[in-house]
Each structure stands twice: as structure tokens, then as C-alpha cells.
Amino acid sequence: MILKFLLSLFISFLVIFGNNRLIAQNKKIIDSLQVVYKNAKQDTTRIWALADIASQYYPSKPDTFIIIHQKVLEESQKSNFLRGQRYALSRIGVGHYLKGEYEKALLYYGKEYKICLETKDLKKQADNLRNGK
């Protein structure tokens, strides 16, 4: 009985303090990526830094994950960077999938697939079909 109590207390301690450490690590990563984003000379570097920032919110904060990837999509469209557009559409779809918004997820997966067709990216086309996108 006492052993069960001590074990649950220990697990609770790890969850509470381990989670704070993880949040601090993510904050450091996000801060570093924001510096890269702000100082980047090339559009593609900015876009990938922003996408990396968004990935720090996966899967715990799907709304933030989606919002940042929408910004990745906008910047990729301005730069006519199809690879960035394809990636952002895929990740926005993932965010909606995490939220249980399957129709929206399918909409974004479909948009991603169209870019794969336009760019004749056979590997990504196969990935989409294999993953049921």
C-alpha cells in the first residue's frame, strides 16, 4: 500500500517537473529558431525556420501548429516556393487531423496532392496515397 503511494507520488513528481523541463527546452529551441527566422537572408531559410518553430507545438498545441503553418504557406506562396507550400498544406492537414477535423484535413491533403502532381513529385504522390491522404 505504501509502495503504491510512493510510486504514484514519484510518477506525479516526474510528470510535473519533467513537463516543465520539456517546456523550457522547447522555449530555448523556439527562441533560437526565431533568431534564425528574423536574421535569414533567403526566403527559404525563413520559411524552414518558421516550419521548425511550428513543429515545436506538435502535437500538444494543434491550433498554434496550424496557425504557424498557415504563415509558412503564405510566405511560400509569396516566394512561389512550391516545396514549402506542399509541406505547409500537409502539416495544416495534420493539425486538423489531430483536432478531429477530418474533412478539413482531407481538404488540405488534397491541396498538397495537387502540388505533388504539378511538380511531378512521384515519391510524395506515393507517400500521400500510401498514407491515405
N, C-alpha and C. Protein backbone atom coordinates (compact mmCIF):
# COMPACT_ATOMS: atom_id res chain seq x y z
N MET A 1 0.82 -1.19 0.00
CA MET A 1 0.00 0.00 0.00
C MET A 1 0.87 1.26 0.00
N ILE A 2 1.82 1.32 0.90
CA ILE A 2 2.72 2.46 0.97
C ILE A 2 3.57 2.54 -0.30
N LEU A 3 3.97 1.38 -0.82
CA LEU A 3 4.77 1.33 -2.04
C LEU A 3 3.99 1.92 -3.22
N LYS A 4 2.70 1.59 -3.32
CA LYS A 4 1.86 2.15 -4.39
C LYS A 4 1.76 3.66 -4.27
N PHE A 5 1.60 4.14 -3.04
CA PHE A 5 1.51 5.58 -2.80
C PHE A 5 2.80 6.27 -3.21
N LEU A 6 3.93 5.72 -2.79
CA LEU A 6 5.23 6.32 -3.12
C LEU A 6 5.47 6.29 -4.63
N LEU A 7 5.08 5.21 -5.27
CA LEU A 7 5.24 5.10 -6.71
C LEU A 7 4.39 6.14 -7.43
N SER A 8 3.14 6.31 -7.01
CA SER A 8 2.28 7.31 -7.66
C SER A 8 2.79 8.72 -7.38
N LEU A 9 3.32 8.94 -6.19
CA LEU A 9 3.89 10.25 -5.86
C LEU A 9 5.11 10.54 -6.73
N PHE A 10 5.96 9.54 -6.91
CA PHE A 10 7.15 9.67 -7.75
C PHE A 10 6.77 9.96 -9.20
N ILE A 11 5.78 9.25 -9.73
CA ILE A 11 5.33 9.46 -11.11
C ILE A 11 4.75 10.85 -11.27
N SER A 12 3.96 11.29 -10.29
CA SER A 12 3.40 12.64 -10.33
C SER A 12 4.50 13.69 -10.35
N PHE A 13 5.51 13.48 -9.53
CA PHE A 13 6.65 14.39 -9.48
C PHE A 13 7.33 14.47 -10.85
N LEU A 14 7.55 13.30 -11.48
CA LEU A 14 8.19 13.28 -12.79
C LEU A 14 7.36 13.99 -13.85
N VAL A 15 6.06 13.77 -13.81
CA VAL A 15 5.18 14.40 -14.80
C VAL A 15 5.20 15.92 -14.64
N ILE A 16 5.08 16.39 -13.42
CA ILE A 16 5.02 17.83 -13.19
C ILE A 16 6.34 18.50 -13.53
N PHE A 17 7.43 18.00 -12.99
CA PHE A 17 8.71 18.66 -13.19
C PHE A 17 9.37 18.28 -14.51
N GLY A 18 9.11 17.08 -14.99
CA GLY A 18 9.63 16.68 -16.30
C GLY A 18 9.00 17.49 -17.40
N ASN A 19 7.71 17.78 -17.28
CA ASN A 19 7.00 18.57 -18.28
C ASN A 19 7.54 19.99 -18.32
N ASN A 20 7.84 20.58 -17.16
CA ASN A 20 8.40 21.94 -17.12
C ASN A 20 9.75 21.98 -17.81
N ARG A 21 10.54 20.95 -17.63
CA ARG A 21 11.85 20.89 -18.28
C ARG A 21 11.69 20.82 -19.80
N LEU A 22 10.71 20.02 -20.24
CA LEU A 22 10.46 19.90 -21.68
C LEU A 22 10.00 21.24 -22.26
N ILE A 23 9.12 21.93 -21.54
CA ILE A 23 8.65 23.24 -21.99
C ILE A 23 9.83 24.21 -22.09
N ALA A 24 10.73 24.18 -21.11
CA ALA A 24 11.90 25.06 -21.13
C ALA A 24 12.79 24.74 -22.33
N GLN A 25 12.97 23.45 -22.62
CA GLN A 25 13.78 23.06 -23.78
C GLN A 25 13.14 23.56 -25.06
N ASN A 26 11.82 23.39 -25.19
CA ASN A 26 11.13 23.87 -26.38
C ASN A 26 11.24 25.38 -26.51
N LYS A 27 11.16 26.08 -25.40
CA LYS A 27 11.26 27.54 -25.43
C LYS A 27 12.64 27.96 -25.94
N LYS A 28 13.69 27.28 -25.51
CA LYS A 28 15.03 27.60 -25.98
C LYS A 28 15.15 27.34 -27.48
N ILE A 29 14.58 26.24 -27.92
CA ILE A 29 14.63 25.91 -29.35
C ILE A 29 13.86 26.95 -30.14
N ILE A 30 12.67 27.30 -29.67
CA ILE A 30 11.84 28.30 -30.36
C ILE A 30 12.57 29.64 -30.41
N ASP A 31 13.17 30.05 -29.30
CA ASP A 31 13.92 31.31 -29.27
C ASP A 31 15.04 31.30 -30.31
N SER A 32 15.78 30.20 -30.38
CA SER A 32 16.87 30.09 -31.35
C SER A 32 16.35 30.14 -32.78
N LEU A 33 15.25 29.46 -33.03
CA LEU A 33 14.67 29.45 -34.37
C LEU A 33 14.12 30.82 -34.76
N GLN A 34 13.60 31.55 -33.78
CA GLN A 34 13.11 32.90 -34.07
C GLN A 34 14.26 33.82 -34.48
N VAL A 35 15.41 33.63 -33.89
CA VAL A 35 16.59 34.42 -34.29
C VAL A 35 16.96 34.09 -35.73
N VAL A 36 16.95 32.80 -36.07
CA VAL A 36 17.24 32.39 -37.45
C VAL A 36 16.21 33.01 -38.39
N TYR A 37 14.95 32.93 -38.02
CA TYR A 37 13.86 33.47 -38.85
C TYR A 37 14.06 34.97 -39.09
N LYS A 38 14.34 35.72 -38.04
CA LYS A 38 14.47 37.18 -38.16
C LYS A 38 15.71 37.60 -38.95
N ASN A 39 16.78 36.82 -38.86
CA ASN A 39 18.04 37.21 -39.49
C ASN A 39 18.29 36.56 -40.84
N ALA A 40 17.41 35.69 -41.27
CA ALA A 40 17.63 34.95 -42.52
C ALA A 40 17.62 35.89 -43.72
N LYS A 41 18.57 35.67 -44.60
CA LYS A 41 18.67 36.48 -45.83
C LYS A 41 17.81 35.89 -46.95
N GLN A 42 17.66 34.57 -46.95
CA GLN A 42 16.89 33.91 -48.02
C GLN A 42 15.49 33.56 -47.52
N ASP A 43 14.53 33.69 -48.44
CA ASP A 43 13.14 33.35 -48.10
C ASP A 43 13.00 31.91 -47.65
N THR A 44 13.68 31.00 -48.34
CA THR A 44 13.53 29.59 -47.99
C THR A 44 14.05 29.29 -46.58
N THR A 45 15.10 29.96 -46.18
CA THR A 45 15.63 29.77 -44.82
C THR A 45 14.61 30.24 -43.80
N ARG A 46 13.99 31.40 -44.08
CA ARG A 46 12.94 31.92 -43.19
C ARG A 46 11.78 30.94 -43.11
N ILE A 47 11.38 30.41 -44.26
CA ILE A 47 10.23 29.50 -44.31
C ILE A 47 10.51 28.24 -43.50
N TRP A 48 11.70 27.64 -43.69
CA TRP A 48 12.01 26.41 -42.96
C TRP A 48 12.18 26.67 -41.46
N ALA A 49 12.70 27.84 -41.10
CA ALA A 49 12.82 28.17 -39.67
C ALA A 49 11.43 28.29 -39.05
N LEU A 50 10.52 28.93 -39.77
CA LEU A 50 9.15 29.06 -39.28
C LEU A 50 8.47 27.70 -39.16
N ALA A 51 8.70 26.83 -40.13
CA ALA A 51 8.14 25.48 -40.07
C ALA A 51 8.70 24.71 -38.87
N ASP A 52 9.98 24.91 -38.59
CA ASP A 52 10.59 24.26 -37.42
C ASP A 52 10.01 24.80 -36.12
N ILE A 53 9.70 26.09 -36.09
CA ILE A 53 9.04 26.67 -34.91
C ILE A 53 7.69 25.99 -34.72
N ALA A 54 6.95 25.87 -35.79
CA ALA A 54 5.62 25.24 -35.71
C ALA A 54 5.72 23.81 -35.18
N SER A 55 6.76 23.10 -35.59
CA SER A 55 6.88 21.70 -35.19
C SER A 55 7.07 21.55 -33.68
N GLN A 56 7.51 22.61 -33.01
CA GLN A 56 7.67 22.55 -31.56
C GLN A 56 6.31 22.49 -30.84
N TYR A 57 5.24 22.79 -31.56
CA TYR A 57 3.90 22.77 -30.97
C TYR A 57 3.13 21.50 -31.31
N TYR A 58 3.81 20.56 -31.95
CA TYR A 58 3.19 19.29 -32.32
C TYR A 58 3.45 18.27 -31.24
N PRO A 59 2.52 17.50 -30.82
CA PRO A 59 1.08 17.53 -31.06
C PRO A 59 0.31 18.25 -29.96
N SER A 60 1.01 18.88 -29.01
CA SER A 60 0.35 19.43 -27.83
C SER A 60 -0.55 20.64 -28.08
N LYS A 61 -0.21 21.44 -29.10
CA LYS A 61 -1.00 22.65 -29.37
C LYS A 61 -1.34 22.71 -30.86
N PRO A 62 -2.33 21.92 -31.29
CA PRO A 62 -2.64 21.86 -32.72
C PRO A 62 -3.09 23.18 -33.32
N ASP A 63 -3.76 24.04 -32.54
CA ASP A 63 -4.20 25.33 -33.08
C ASP A 63 -3.00 26.20 -33.44
N THR A 64 -2.03 26.27 -32.54
CA THR A 64 -0.81 27.04 -32.79
C THR A 64 -0.03 26.43 -33.96
N PHE A 65 0.04 25.11 -33.97
CA PHE A 65 0.69 24.36 -35.05
C PHE A 65 0.09 24.75 -36.41
N ILE A 66 -1.24 24.82 -36.48
CA ILE A 66 -1.94 25.19 -37.72
C ILE A 66 -1.66 26.64 -38.08
N ILE A 67 -1.81 27.54 -37.12
CA ILE A 67 -1.65 28.98 -37.39
C ILE A 67 -0.26 29.28 -37.94
N ILE A 68 0.76 28.71 -37.33
CA ILE A 68 2.12 28.98 -37.81
C ILE A 68 2.33 28.38 -39.19
N HIS A 69 1.79 27.19 -39.43
CA HIS A 69 1.93 26.60 -40.77
C HIS A 69 1.14 27.38 -41.83
N GLN A 70 0.07 28.04 -41.43
CA GLN A 70 -0.63 28.92 -42.37
C GLN A 70 0.29 30.07 -42.78
N LYS A 71 1.07 30.57 -41.84
CA LYS A 71 2.06 31.62 -42.15
C LYS A 71 3.15 31.06 -43.07
N VAL A 72 3.56 29.82 -42.83
CA VAL A 72 4.52 29.15 -43.72
C VAL A 72 3.95 29.08 -45.13
N LEU A 73 2.67 28.73 -45.23
CA LEU A 73 2.01 28.64 -46.53
C LEU A 73 1.99 30.01 -47.21
N GLU A 74 1.61 31.06 -46.49
CA GLU A 74 1.57 32.41 -47.06
C GLU A 74 2.94 32.84 -47.58
N GLU A 75 3.96 32.64 -46.77
CA GLU A 75 5.30 33.06 -47.18
C GLU A 75 5.80 32.22 -48.36
N SER A 76 5.44 30.95 -48.39
CA SER A 76 5.83 30.09 -49.50
C SER A 76 5.12 30.51 -50.79
N GLN A 77 3.86 30.91 -50.67
CA GLN A 77 3.12 31.37 -51.85
C GLN A 77 3.71 32.67 -52.38
N LYS A 78 4.07 33.59 -51.48
CA LYS A 78 4.67 34.85 -51.91
C LYS A 78 5.98 34.61 -52.66
N SER A 79 6.72 33.60 -52.23
CA SER A 79 8.03 33.29 -52.83
C SER A 79 7.92 32.29 -53.98
N ASN A 80 6.70 31.84 -54.24
CA ASN A 80 6.47 30.80 -55.25
C ASN A 80 7.33 29.55 -54.95
N PHE A 81 7.44 29.23 -53.68
CA PHE A 81 8.22 28.10 -53.20
C PHE A 81 7.28 26.91 -53.04
N LEU A 82 7.16 26.10 -54.09
CA LEU A 82 6.18 25.02 -54.11
C LEU A 82 6.46 23.95 -53.05
N ARG A 83 7.71 23.67 -52.81
CA ARG A 83 8.03 22.66 -51.80
C ARG A 83 7.55 23.11 -50.42
N GLY A 84 7.73 24.39 -50.11
CA GLY A 84 7.24 24.94 -48.84
C GLY A 84 5.72 24.93 -48.78
N GLN A 85 5.08 25.24 -49.90
CA GLN A 85 3.62 25.21 -49.95
C GLN A 85 3.10 23.80 -49.69
N ARG A 86 3.72 22.83 -50.36
CA ARG A 86 3.30 21.44 -50.21
C ARG A 86 3.45 21.00 -48.76
N TYR A 87 4.60 21.33 -48.18
CA TYR A 87 4.87 20.95 -46.79
C TYR A 87 3.85 21.58 -45.84
N ALA A 88 3.61 22.89 -46.02
CA ALA A 88 2.68 23.60 -45.14
C ALA A 88 1.27 23.02 -45.24
N LEU A 89 0.83 22.74 -46.45
CA LEU A 89 -0.51 22.16 -46.64
C LEU A 89 -0.62 20.81 -45.93
N SER A 90 0.42 20.02 -46.05
CA SER A 90 0.43 18.72 -45.37
C SER A 90 0.33 18.88 -43.86
N ARG A 91 1.12 19.79 -43.32
CA ARG A 91 1.15 19.98 -41.86
C ARG A 91 -0.15 20.61 -41.34
N ILE A 92 -0.75 21.50 -42.12
CA ILE A 92 -2.05 22.06 -41.73
C ILE A 92 -3.07 20.93 -41.68
N GLY A 93 -3.01 20.04 -42.66
CA GLY A 93 -3.89 18.86 -42.65
C GLY A 93 -3.68 18.02 -41.41
N VAL A 94 -2.43 17.82 -41.03
CA VAL A 94 -2.12 17.05 -39.83
C VAL A 94 -2.71 17.72 -38.59
N GLY A 95 -2.59 19.04 -38.52
CA GLY A 95 -3.14 19.76 -37.39
C GLY A 95 -4.65 19.57 -37.26
N HIS A 96 -5.34 19.66 -38.40
CA HIS A 96 -6.80 19.44 -38.37
C HIS A 96 -7.12 17.99 -38.02
N TYR A 97 -6.30 17.07 -38.49
CA TYR A 97 -6.49 15.66 -38.15
C TYR A 97 -6.38 15.46 -36.63
N LEU A 98 -5.38 16.09 -36.02
CA LEU A 98 -5.20 15.99 -34.57
C LEU A 98 -6.40 16.51 -33.81
N LYS A 99 -7.05 17.52 -34.38
CA LYS A 99 -8.23 18.12 -33.73
C LYS A 99 -9.51 17.33 -34.02
N GLY A 100 -9.39 16.29 -34.84
CA GLY A 100 -10.57 15.51 -35.20
C GLY A 100 -11.39 16.14 -36.32
N GLU A 101 -10.82 17.12 -37.00
CA GLU A 101 -11.50 17.81 -38.10
C GLU A 101 -11.07 17.15 -39.41
N TYR A 102 -11.64 15.96 -39.65
CA TYR A 102 -11.17 15.11 -40.74
C TYR A 102 -11.50 15.66 -42.12
N GLU A 103 -12.63 16.34 -42.27
CA GLU A 103 -12.96 16.93 -43.57
C GLU A 103 -11.96 18.02 -43.94
N LYS A 104 -11.63 18.86 -42.98
CA LYS A 104 -10.63 19.91 -43.23
C LYS A 104 -9.26 19.29 -43.52
N ALA A 105 -8.93 18.23 -42.78
CA ALA A 105 -7.65 17.56 -43.01
C ALA A 105 -7.59 17.05 -44.45
N LEU A 106 -8.66 16.42 -44.91
CA LEU A 106 -8.70 15.89 -46.28
C LEU A 106 -8.59 17.01 -47.31
N LEU A 107 -9.19 18.14 -47.03
CA LEU A 107 -9.12 19.28 -47.94
C LEU A 107 -7.66 19.71 -48.13
N TYR A 108 -6.92 19.83 -47.05
CA TYR A 108 -5.52 20.25 -47.14
C TYR A 108 -4.63 19.15 -47.74
N TYR A 109 -4.92 17.90 -47.41
CA TYR A 109 -4.17 16.80 -48.03
C TYR A 109 -4.38 16.79 -49.54
N GLY A 110 -5.61 17.10 -49.97
CA GLY A 110 -5.91 17.16 -51.40
C GLY A 110 -5.15 18.28 -52.10
N LYS A 111 -5.07 19.44 -51.44
CA LYS A 111 -4.31 20.56 -52.00
C LYS A 111 -2.83 20.20 -52.10
N GLU A 112 -2.33 19.52 -51.09
CA GLU A 112 -0.93 19.07 -51.12
C GLU A 112 -0.71 18.13 -52.30
N TYR A 113 -1.64 17.20 -52.49
CA TYR A 113 -1.51 16.22 -53.56
C TYR A 113 -1.49 16.89 -54.94
N LYS A 114 -2.29 17.95 -55.11
CA LYS A 114 -2.29 18.68 -56.39
C LYS A 114 -0.91 19.26 -56.69
N ILE A 115 -0.25 19.78 -55.68
CA ILE A 115 1.10 20.31 -55.89
C ILE A 115 2.05 19.18 -56.26
N CYS A 116 1.89 18.03 -55.61
CA CYS A 116 2.73 16.87 -55.95
C CYS A 116 2.54 16.48 -57.41
N LEU A 117 1.32 16.56 -57.89
CA LEU A 117 1.05 16.24 -59.29
C LEU A 117 1.68 17.29 -60.21
N GLU A 118 1.51 18.57 -59.86
CA GLU A 118 2.07 19.65 -60.67
C GLU A 118 3.59 19.55 -60.79
N THR A 119 4.23 19.20 -59.69
CA THR A 119 5.69 19.15 -59.68
C THR A 119 6.23 17.78 -60.09
N LYS A 120 5.31 16.87 -60.39
CA LYS A 120 5.68 15.51 -60.80
C LYS A 120 6.57 14.83 -59.74
N ASP A 121 6.26 15.10 -58.49
CA ASP A 121 7.00 14.50 -57.38
C ASP A 121 6.38 13.13 -57.08
N LEU A 122 6.90 12.12 -57.74
CA LEU A 122 6.33 10.78 -57.63
C LEU A 122 6.44 10.22 -56.23
N LYS A 123 7.54 10.50 -55.55
CA LYS A 123 7.71 9.98 -54.19
C LYS A 123 6.63 10.54 -53.26
N LYS A 124 6.40 11.83 -53.33
CA LYS A 124 5.38 12.44 -52.46
C LYS A 124 3.98 12.01 -52.87
N GLN A 125 3.75 11.80 -54.17
CA GLN A 125 2.45 11.28 -54.60
C GLN A 125 2.22 9.91 -53.98
N ALA A 126 3.24 9.07 -54.04
CA ALA A 126 3.13 7.72 -53.46
C ALA A 126 2.94 7.80 -51.94
N ASP A 127 3.66 8.70 -51.28
CA ASP A 127 3.50 8.88 -49.84
C ASP A 127 2.07 9.25 -49.49
N ASN A 128 1.51 10.20 -50.25
CA ASN A 128 0.14 10.63 -49.98
C ASN A 128 -0.84 9.48 -50.13
N LEU A 129 -0.70 8.72 -51.20
CA LEU A 129 -1.62 7.61 -51.44
C LEU A 129 -1.43 6.50 -50.40
N ARG A 130 -0.19 6.25 -50.05
CA ARG A 130 0.11 5.22 -49.04
C ARG A 130 -0.46 5.59 -47.69
N ASN A 131 -0.39 6.87 -47.34
CA ASN A 131 -0.88 7.33 -46.05
C ASN A 131 -2.37 7.63 -46.05
N GLY A 132 -3.02 7.41 -47.17
CA GLY A 132 -4.45 7.62 -47.24
C GLY A 132 -4.85 9.08 -47.33
N LYS A 133 -3.94 9.92 -47.79
CA LYS A 133 -4.26 11.35 -47.89
C LYS A 133 -5.05 11.58 -49.13
